[in-house]
Amino acid sequence: MLVPRREEYEKVEALFTILDLKRNNCFSQVAVEAAYSDGEAWLESMIDYVKGNMDYVRKYCQEHIPQLIPNEPEGTYLIWMDCRELGLNDEDLANFMINEAKIALNPGTAFGEEGSGYVRLNLACPRSAVIEAMQSLKEAVQTIITKE
């Protein structure tokens, strides 16, 4: 971890001490050196792959689940999906995702009340997992639509 400002470094250092996260193992320094020295090609490839996952989710929602509106993330592998059109309160939305869609997403309310009606999806994963999650989500949303 690189922390450029001394005062921020001291806060991180104190927290890592409390959490007992300051221990290195015999591979950590070599891994960090390799990542910073030779990891650019891998990083660029990973960024492209995750962007492909994001493009897939946005297109899939537009074509198959227009009730869900994914955001356009900047500099992250996490996408926020606006689920307010489903008409579920936050507790029902969380239960819906787990019990009906069979996917575990972070509820928006875990990040503050302004996250109400949103879920967060991690897209730094294999495309096959994204496809499976979106298909499951589509099927679950269809059950809500057919009940209306």
Protein backbone atom coordinates (compact mmCIF):
# COMPACT_ATOMS: atom_id res chain seq x y z
CA MET A 1 0.00 0.00 0.00
CA LEU A 2 1.34 3.39 -0.94
CA VAL A 3 0.22 6.32 1.22
CA PRO A 4 1.72 9.58 -0.05
CA ARG A 5 0.93 11.93 2.84
CA ARG A 6 2.62 11.47 6.20
CA GLU A 7 -0.49 12.21 8.28
CA GLU A 8 -2.54 9.69 6.29
CA TYR A 9 0.26 7.13 6.56
CA GLU A 10 0.29 7.50 10.34
CA LYS A 11 -3.47 6.82 10.50
CA VAL A 12 -3.14 3.75 8.29
CA GLU A 13 -0.14 2.57 10.29
CA ALA A 14 -2.08 2.88 13.56
CA LEU A 15 -5.07 1.03 12.14
CA PHE A 16 -2.91 -1.76 10.71
CA THR A 17 -1.23 -2.11 14.11
CA ILE A 18 -4.60 -2.45 15.84
CA LEU A 19 -5.78 -4.99 13.25
CA ASP A 20 -2.46 -6.86 13.35
CA LEU A 21 -2.01 -6.51 9.59
CA LYS A 22 1.61 -5.39 9.55
CA ARG A 23 3.25 -8.75 9.13
CA ASN A 24 4.88 -9.62 5.83
CA ASN A 25 5.54 -13.10 4.61
CA CYS A 26 8.44 -14.25 2.48
CA PHE A 27 6.47 -13.69 -0.74
CA SER A 28 4.91 -10.27 -0.13
CA GLN A 29 7.87 -8.07 -1.03
CA VAL A 30 8.64 -10.09 -4.16
CA ALA A 31 4.98 -9.96 -5.19
CA VAL A 32 4.80 -6.18 -4.73
CA GLU A 33 8.02 -5.67 -6.69
CA ALA A 34 6.76 -7.91 -9.51
CA ALA A 35 3.40 -6.12 -9.64
CA TYR A 36 4.99 -2.69 -9.88
CA SER A 37 7.79 -3.77 -12.22
CA ASP A 38 6.07 -6.20 -14.57
CA GLY A 39 2.35 -5.98 -13.89
CA GLU A 40 1.27 -3.31 -16.34
CA ALA A 41 0.24 -5.71 -19.12
CA TRP A 42 -1.77 -7.80 -16.66
CA LEU A 43 -3.39 -4.68 -15.20
CA GLU A 44 -4.40 -3.35 -18.62
CA SER A 45 -5.83 -6.74 -19.53
CA MET A 46 -7.77 -6.91 -16.26
CA ILE A 47 -9.15 -3.39 -16.73
CA ASP A 48 -10.36 -4.31 -20.22
CA TYR A 49 -11.92 -7.53 -18.94
CA VAL A 50 -13.79 -5.80 -16.12
CA LYS A 51 -14.95 -3.08 -18.52
CA GLY A 52 -16.33 -5.87 -20.72
CA ASN A 53 -18.26 -7.19 -17.70
CA MET A 54 -19.65 -3.69 -17.09
CA ASP A 55 -20.66 -3.30 -20.72
CA TYR A 56 -22.34 -6.71 -20.56
CA VAL A 57 -24.37 -5.78 -17.44
CA ARG A 58 -25.48 -2.43 -18.86
CA LYS A 59 -26.52 -3.93 -22.20
CA TYR A 60 -28.22 -6.90 -20.52
CA CYS A 61 -30.24 -4.61 -18.27
CA GLN A 62 -31.26 -2.39 -21.18
CA GLU A 63 -32.39 -5.37 -23.25
CA HIS A 64 -33.80 -7.75 -20.62
CA ILE A 65 -34.28 -6.00 -17.25
CA PRO A 66 -35.05 -2.32 -17.94
CA GLN A 67 -36.40 -2.00 -14.39
CA LEU A 68 -32.78 -2.11 -13.17
CA ILE A 69 -30.54 0.80 -14.04
CA PRO A 70 -26.79 0.27 -13.60
CA ASN A 71 -24.56 3.28 -13.13
CA GLU A 72 -21.48 4.18 -15.16
CA PRO A 73 -18.64 3.50 -12.68
CA GLU A 74 -15.42 5.47 -12.74
CA GLY A 75 -12.21 3.76 -11.66
CA THR A 76 -13.77 0.77 -9.92
CA TYR A 77 -14.93 -2.77 -10.54
CA LEU A 78 -18.13 -2.18 -8.59
CA ILE A 79 -21.37 -1.23 -10.28
CA TRP A 80 -24.41 0.24 -8.52
CA MET A 81 -27.82 -0.84 -9.74
CA ASP A 82 -30.86 1.31 -9.14
CA CYS A 83 -33.62 -1.16 -8.25
CA ARG A 84 -36.26 1.35 -7.13
CA GLU A 85 -38.54 0.53 -10.07
CA LEU A 86 -39.10 -2.91 -8.54
CA GLY A 87 -41.15 -1.20 -5.82
CA LEU A 88 -39.49 -3.11 -2.96
CA ASN A 89 -38.40 -1.66 0.34
CA ASP A 90 -34.78 -2.25 1.33
CA GLU A 91 -35.44 -5.33 3.44
CA ASP A 92 -37.59 -6.90 0.73
CA LEU A 93 -34.99 -6.00 -1.91
CA ALA A 94 -32.24 -7.75 0.08
CA ASN A 95 -34.45 -10.81 0.57
CA PHE A 96 -35.42 -10.77 -3.10
CA MET A 97 -31.78 -10.80 -4.22
CA ILE A 98 -30.87 -13.70 -1.92
CA ASN A 99 -34.02 -15.83 -2.03
CA GLU A 100 -35.42 -15.17 -5.50
CA ALA A 101 -32.49 -14.10 -7.66
CA LYS A 102 -30.09 -16.35 -5.71
CA ILE A 103 -27.30 -13.77 -5.77
CA ALA A 104 -25.58 -12.04 -2.87
CA LEU A 105 -25.12 -8.33 -3.54
CA ASN A 106 -24.20 -5.54 -1.19
CA PRO A 107 -27.32 -3.58 -0.21
CA GLY A 108 -26.99 0.12 -0.88
CA THR A 109 -28.13 0.92 2.63
CA ALA A 110 -24.90 -0.61 3.97
CA PHE A 111 -23.25 2.58 2.67
CA GLY A 112 -25.78 5.08 4.02
CA GLU A 113 -29.44 5.89 3.66
CA GLU A 114 -28.84 7.48 0.24
CA GLY A 115 -28.17 3.92 -0.96
CA SER A 116 -31.80 2.99 -0.40
CA GLY A 117 -33.17 1.09 -3.40
CA TYR A 118 -29.71 0.27 -4.75
CA VAL A 119 -27.48 -2.80 -4.74
CA ARG A 120 -23.77 -3.06 -5.48
CA LEU A 121 -22.40 -5.74 -7.79
CA ASN A 122 -18.74 -6.76 -7.94
CA LEU A 123 -17.67 -7.27 -11.56
CA ALA A 124 -14.05 -8.31 -10.96
CA CYS A 125 -14.98 -11.91 -11.60
CA PRO A 126 -15.23 -14.37 -14.50
CA ARG A 127 -17.69 -13.38 -17.22
CA SER A 128 -19.46 -16.70 -16.75
CA ALA A 129 -20.36 -15.67 -13.18
CA VAL A 130 -21.70 -12.32 -14.42
CA ILE A 131 -23.80 -14.03 -17.11
CA GLU A 132 -25.20 -16.52 -14.61
CA ALA A 133 -26.03 -13.77 -12.11
CA MET A 134 -27.76 -11.61 -14.71
CA GLN A 135 -29.82 -14.51 -16.06
CA SER A 136 -30.89 -15.44 -12.55
CA LEU A 137 -31.74 -11.81 -11.82
CA LYS A 138 -33.80 -11.56 -15.01
CA GLU A 139 -35.82 -14.65 -14.11
CA ALA A 140 -36.44 -13.32 -10.59
CA VAL A 141 -37.54 -9.89 -11.85
CA GLN A 142 -39.94 -11.61 -14.24
CA THR A 143 -41.73 -13.14 -11.23
CA ILE A 144 -42.36 -9.64 -9.83
CA ILE A 145 -43.58 -8.33 -13.18
CA THR A 146 -45.99 -11.23 -13.72
CA LYS A 147 -47.48 -10.69 -10.22
CA GLU A 148 -48.41 -7.08 -11.09
